[in-house]
Protein backbone atom coordinates (compact mmCIF):
# COMPACT_ATOMS: atom_id res chain seq x y z
CA MET A 1 115.25 97.86 109.69
CA LEU A 2 115.31 95.32 106.91
CA ASN A 3 117.94 94.65 104.33
CA PHE A 4 116.15 94.79 100.97
CA ARG A 5 118.22 91.83 99.73
CA VAL A 6 117.08 89.69 102.64
CA ALA A 7 113.32 89.58 102.75
CA ALA A 8 111.13 86.60 103.56
CA GLU A 9 112.83 83.26 104.14
CA ASN A 10 116.28 84.82 103.60
CA HIS A 11 115.52 85.75 100.00
CA ARG A 12 115.90 89.46 99.21
CA CYS A 13 113.09 89.26 96.68
CA GLY A 14 110.68 87.24 98.80
CA PHE A 15 110.38 84.64 96.05
CA ARG A 16 109.24 81.44 97.73
CA ASP A 17 110.08 78.71 95.26
CA VAL A 18 113.57 79.33 93.91
CA PRO A 19 116.41 79.98 96.36
CA ALA A 20 118.73 80.57 93.40
CA CYS A 21 116.85 83.78 92.66
CA CYS A 22 119.04 85.56 95.16
CA GLY A 23 122.21 85.11 93.15
CA THR A 24 124.28 87.95 91.76
CA ASP A 25 122.16 90.33 89.72
CA GLY A 26 123.82 93.71 90.08
CA TYR A 27 121.36 95.08 92.62
CA GLU A 28 122.66 97.05 95.55
CA ASP A 29 121.83 96.22 99.11
CA LYS A 30 119.21 98.56 100.48
CA ILE A 31 118.43 99.00 104.12
CA VAL A 32 114.74 99.71 104.48
CA GLU A 33 113.14 100.93 107.65
CA ARG A 34 109.73 99.35 107.50
CA ASN A 35 106.79 101.40 108.56
CA PRO A 36 104.35 98.99 110.23
CA LYS A 37 101.51 100.85 108.51
CA SER A 38 103.12 100.57 105.05
CA GLN A 39 101.28 98.82 102.27
CA ASN A 40 102.58 95.89 100.37
CA ALA A 41 103.81 96.57 96.84
CA ILE A 42 100.62 95.39 95.12
CA LYS A 43 98.33 97.45 97.35
CA LEU A 44 100.52 100.52 96.84
CA LEU A 45 100.33 100.18 93.06
CA ILE A 46 96.57 99.54 93.11
CA ALA A 47 96.09 102.65 95.26
CA ASP A 48 98.05 104.65 92.66
CA HIS A 49 95.89 103.17 89.89
CA SER A 50 92.72 104.20 91.75
CA GLU A 51 94.00 107.73 92.33
CA VAL A 52 94.78 108.19 88.63
CA GLU A 53 91.44 106.68 87.59
CA LYS A 54 89.64 109.29 89.70
CA MET A 55 91.55 112.00 87.85
CA PHE A 56 90.68 110.39 84.50
CA LYS A 57 86.99 110.46 85.42
CA ALA A 58 87.29 114.10 86.47
CA THR A 59 88.48 114.99 82.95
CA GLU A 60 85.23 113.60 81.48
CA THR A 61 83.15 116.48 82.84
CA ALA A 62 85.82 119.17 83.08
CA GLY A 63 86.07 122.21 80.85
CA ARG A 64 89.18 123.03 78.82
CA ASP A 65 91.09 124.91 81.49
CA ALA A 66 90.18 122.38 84.17
CA LYS A 67 91.28 119.51 81.92
CA ARG A 68 94.70 121.10 81.56
CA GLU A 69 95.00 121.45 85.34
CA ILE A 70 93.85 117.87 85.89
CA PHE A 71 96.34 116.70 83.25
CA LEU A 72 99.18 118.25 85.25
CA GLU A 73 98.04 116.24 88.29
CA ILE A 74 97.76 113.09 86.15
CA LYS A 75 101.24 113.68 84.75
CA THR A 76 102.75 114.11 88.22
CA ALA A 77 101.03 110.96 89.54
CA LEU A 78 101.96 108.84 86.50
CA GLU A 79 105.58 109.98 86.59
CA ALA A 80 106.00 108.95 90.23
CA HIS A 81 104.15 105.68 89.67
CA ALA A 82 106.20 104.80 86.58
CA TRP A 83 109.41 105.68 88.40
CA ILE A 84 108.86 103.22 91.26
CA GLU A 85 107.70 100.50 88.91
CA GLU A 86 110.68 100.94 86.59
CA THR A 87 113.35 101.34 89.26
CA ILE A 88 112.15 98.86 91.89
CA PHE A 89 109.11 96.74 91.04
CA TYR A 90 109.84 95.63 87.47
CA PRO A 91 113.58 94.96 88.02
CA THR A 92 112.67 92.79 91.01
CA LEU A 93 110.19 90.80 88.91
CA GLN A 94 112.66 90.42 86.06
CA SER A 95 115.42 89.25 88.41
CA LEU A 96 113.32 86.24 89.37
CA GLY A 97 113.85 84.57 86.03
CA ASP A 98 110.20 83.49 85.81
CA GLU A 99 109.36 83.49 82.09
CA LYS A 100 105.78 84.71 82.43
CA LEU A 101 106.66 87.58 84.79
CA THR A 102 109.58 88.57 82.58
CA GLU A 103 107.27 88.62 79.54
CA LEU A 104 104.59 90.66 81.34
CA THR A 105 107.19 93.06 82.72
CA SER A 106 108.78 93.58 79.31
CA GLU A 107 105.37 94.41 77.86
CA ALA A 108 104.64 96.79 80.75
CA ILE A 109 107.95 98.60 80.18
CA LYS A 110 107.06 99.09 76.49
CA GLU A 111 103.70 100.51 77.57
CA HIS A 112 105.51 102.92 79.89
CA VAL A 113 107.60 104.17 76.97
CA ASP A 114 104.39 104.95 75.06
CA MET A 115 102.88 106.62 78.12
CA LYS A 116 105.94 108.84 78.54
CA CYS A 117 105.68 109.89 74.89
CA PHE A 118 102.04 110.84 75.40
CA LEU A 119 102.87 112.76 78.58
CA GLY A 120 105.55 114.72 76.73
CA GLU A 121 103.29 115.42 73.75
CA LEU A 122 100.43 116.46 76.01
CA ALA A 123 102.66 118.83 77.96
CA ALA A 124 103.85 120.38 74.69
CA THR A 125 100.34 120.73 73.21
CA SER A 126 98.40 121.73 76.30
CA THR A 127 97.54 125.11 74.75
CA ASP A 128 96.30 123.58 71.46
CA PHE A 129 93.07 121.94 72.56
CA SER A 130 92.42 120.35 69.14
CA LYS A 131 95.58 118.25 69.63
CA PHE A 132 95.42 118.02 73.43
CA GLU A 133 91.95 116.44 73.68
CA PRO A 134 92.60 113.37 71.43
CA LEU A 135 96.03 112.79 72.98
CA LEU A 136 94.55 112.89 76.47
CA HIS A 137 91.85 110.43 75.42
CA LYS A 138 94.51 108.07 73.99
CA LEU A 139 96.63 108.36 77.14
CA ILE A 140 93.63 107.48 79.31
CA GLU A 141 92.72 104.53 77.09
CA ASP A 142 96.28 103.17 77.09
CA VAL A 143 96.80 103.60 80.85
CA ARG A 144 93.48 101.86 81.57
CA HIS A 145 94.60 98.95 79.37
CA HIS A 146 97.94 98.82 81.20
CA VAL A 147 96.21 98.81 84.59
CA LYS A 148 93.84 96.05 83.47
CA GLU A 149 96.81 93.85 82.48
CA GLU A 150 98.70 94.52 85.70
CA GLU A 151 95.75 94.01 88.02
CA GLY A 152 94.21 91.20 86.00
CA GLU A 153 97.27 89.07 85.33
CA MET A 154 100.61 90.32 86.62
CA PHE A 155 99.63 91.03 90.22
CA SER A 156 98.02 87.63 90.78
CA ILE A 157 101.23 85.91 89.65
CA VAL A 158 103.31 88.17 91.89
CA GLU A 159 101.09 87.43 94.89
CA LYS A 160 101.58 83.69 94.33
CA ARG A 161 105.35 83.99 93.96
CA PHE A 162 106.14 86.44 96.77
CA SER A 163 105.64 85.99 100.47
CA ALA A 164 103.64 88.58 102.39
CA ASP A 165 106.86 89.78 104.04
CA GLY A 166 108.55 90.06 100.64
CA LEU A 167 105.68 92.19 99.29
CA ASN A 168 105.75 94.37 102.41
CA THR A 169 109.49 94.91 102.13
CA LEU A 170 109.17 95.72 98.45
CA GLY A 171 106.28 98.09 99.23
CA SER A 172 108.32 99.88 101.89
CA SER A 173 111.16 100.40 99.45
CA MET A 174 108.74 101.65 96.79
CA GLU A 175 107.02 104.05 99.23
CA GLY A 176 110.35 105.52 100.26
CA GLU A 177 111.53 105.94 96.68
CA LYS A 178 108.21 107.48 95.63
CA LYS A 179 108.49 110.09 98.40
CA ARG A 180 112.09 110.81 97.44
CA PHE A 181 111.17 111.15 93.75
CA GLN A 182 108.19 113.43 94.46
CA SER A 183 110.28 115.73 96.65
CA SER A 184 113.07 116.01 94.07
CA ALA A 185 113.27 118.01 90.88
CA GLU A 186 113.79 114.73 89.04
CA THR A 187 111.43 113.63 86.30
CA ILE A 188 111.03 110.42 84.35
CA TYR A 189 112.72 112.22 81.46
CA GLY A 190 116.06 112.39 83.29
């Protein structure tokens, strides 16, 4: 069992360089039972990205009905992924006070807002293929851009700033929350 506030080197966030990062920030203590096989936060997010990319590729050769079915899988995966980023990963990055991470996280949150709009529009237009097809294409394009920014810039900064234990603790918390979210009737829309 690990207390989410106390990760590597007695810092709940695992941030190596600034002990002051563990000051008051409004976060609740979370006790996390770490699964020794759990992935660190970055690996968990990259695995999600890969899973969604496979679904995107499947839409390229799918017929209309199959595309709608694949979209429902994409929507479910993106909702769970966005949820753990927005409720755990991004707030942790923003609490560090690092200007670059805060900037990248703010941009990522804006991209999530756009993604949620596309998911909602796609769900509403799934029977009108003339509207559905271009919206799906735009969603795929935007998500790929978002992934490229996270994996190309954000994650390398996070890996430098967090200890391995901090990333593992964060990953454990994210895994648990993702499972809870997926088993609930909750959606990213409230």
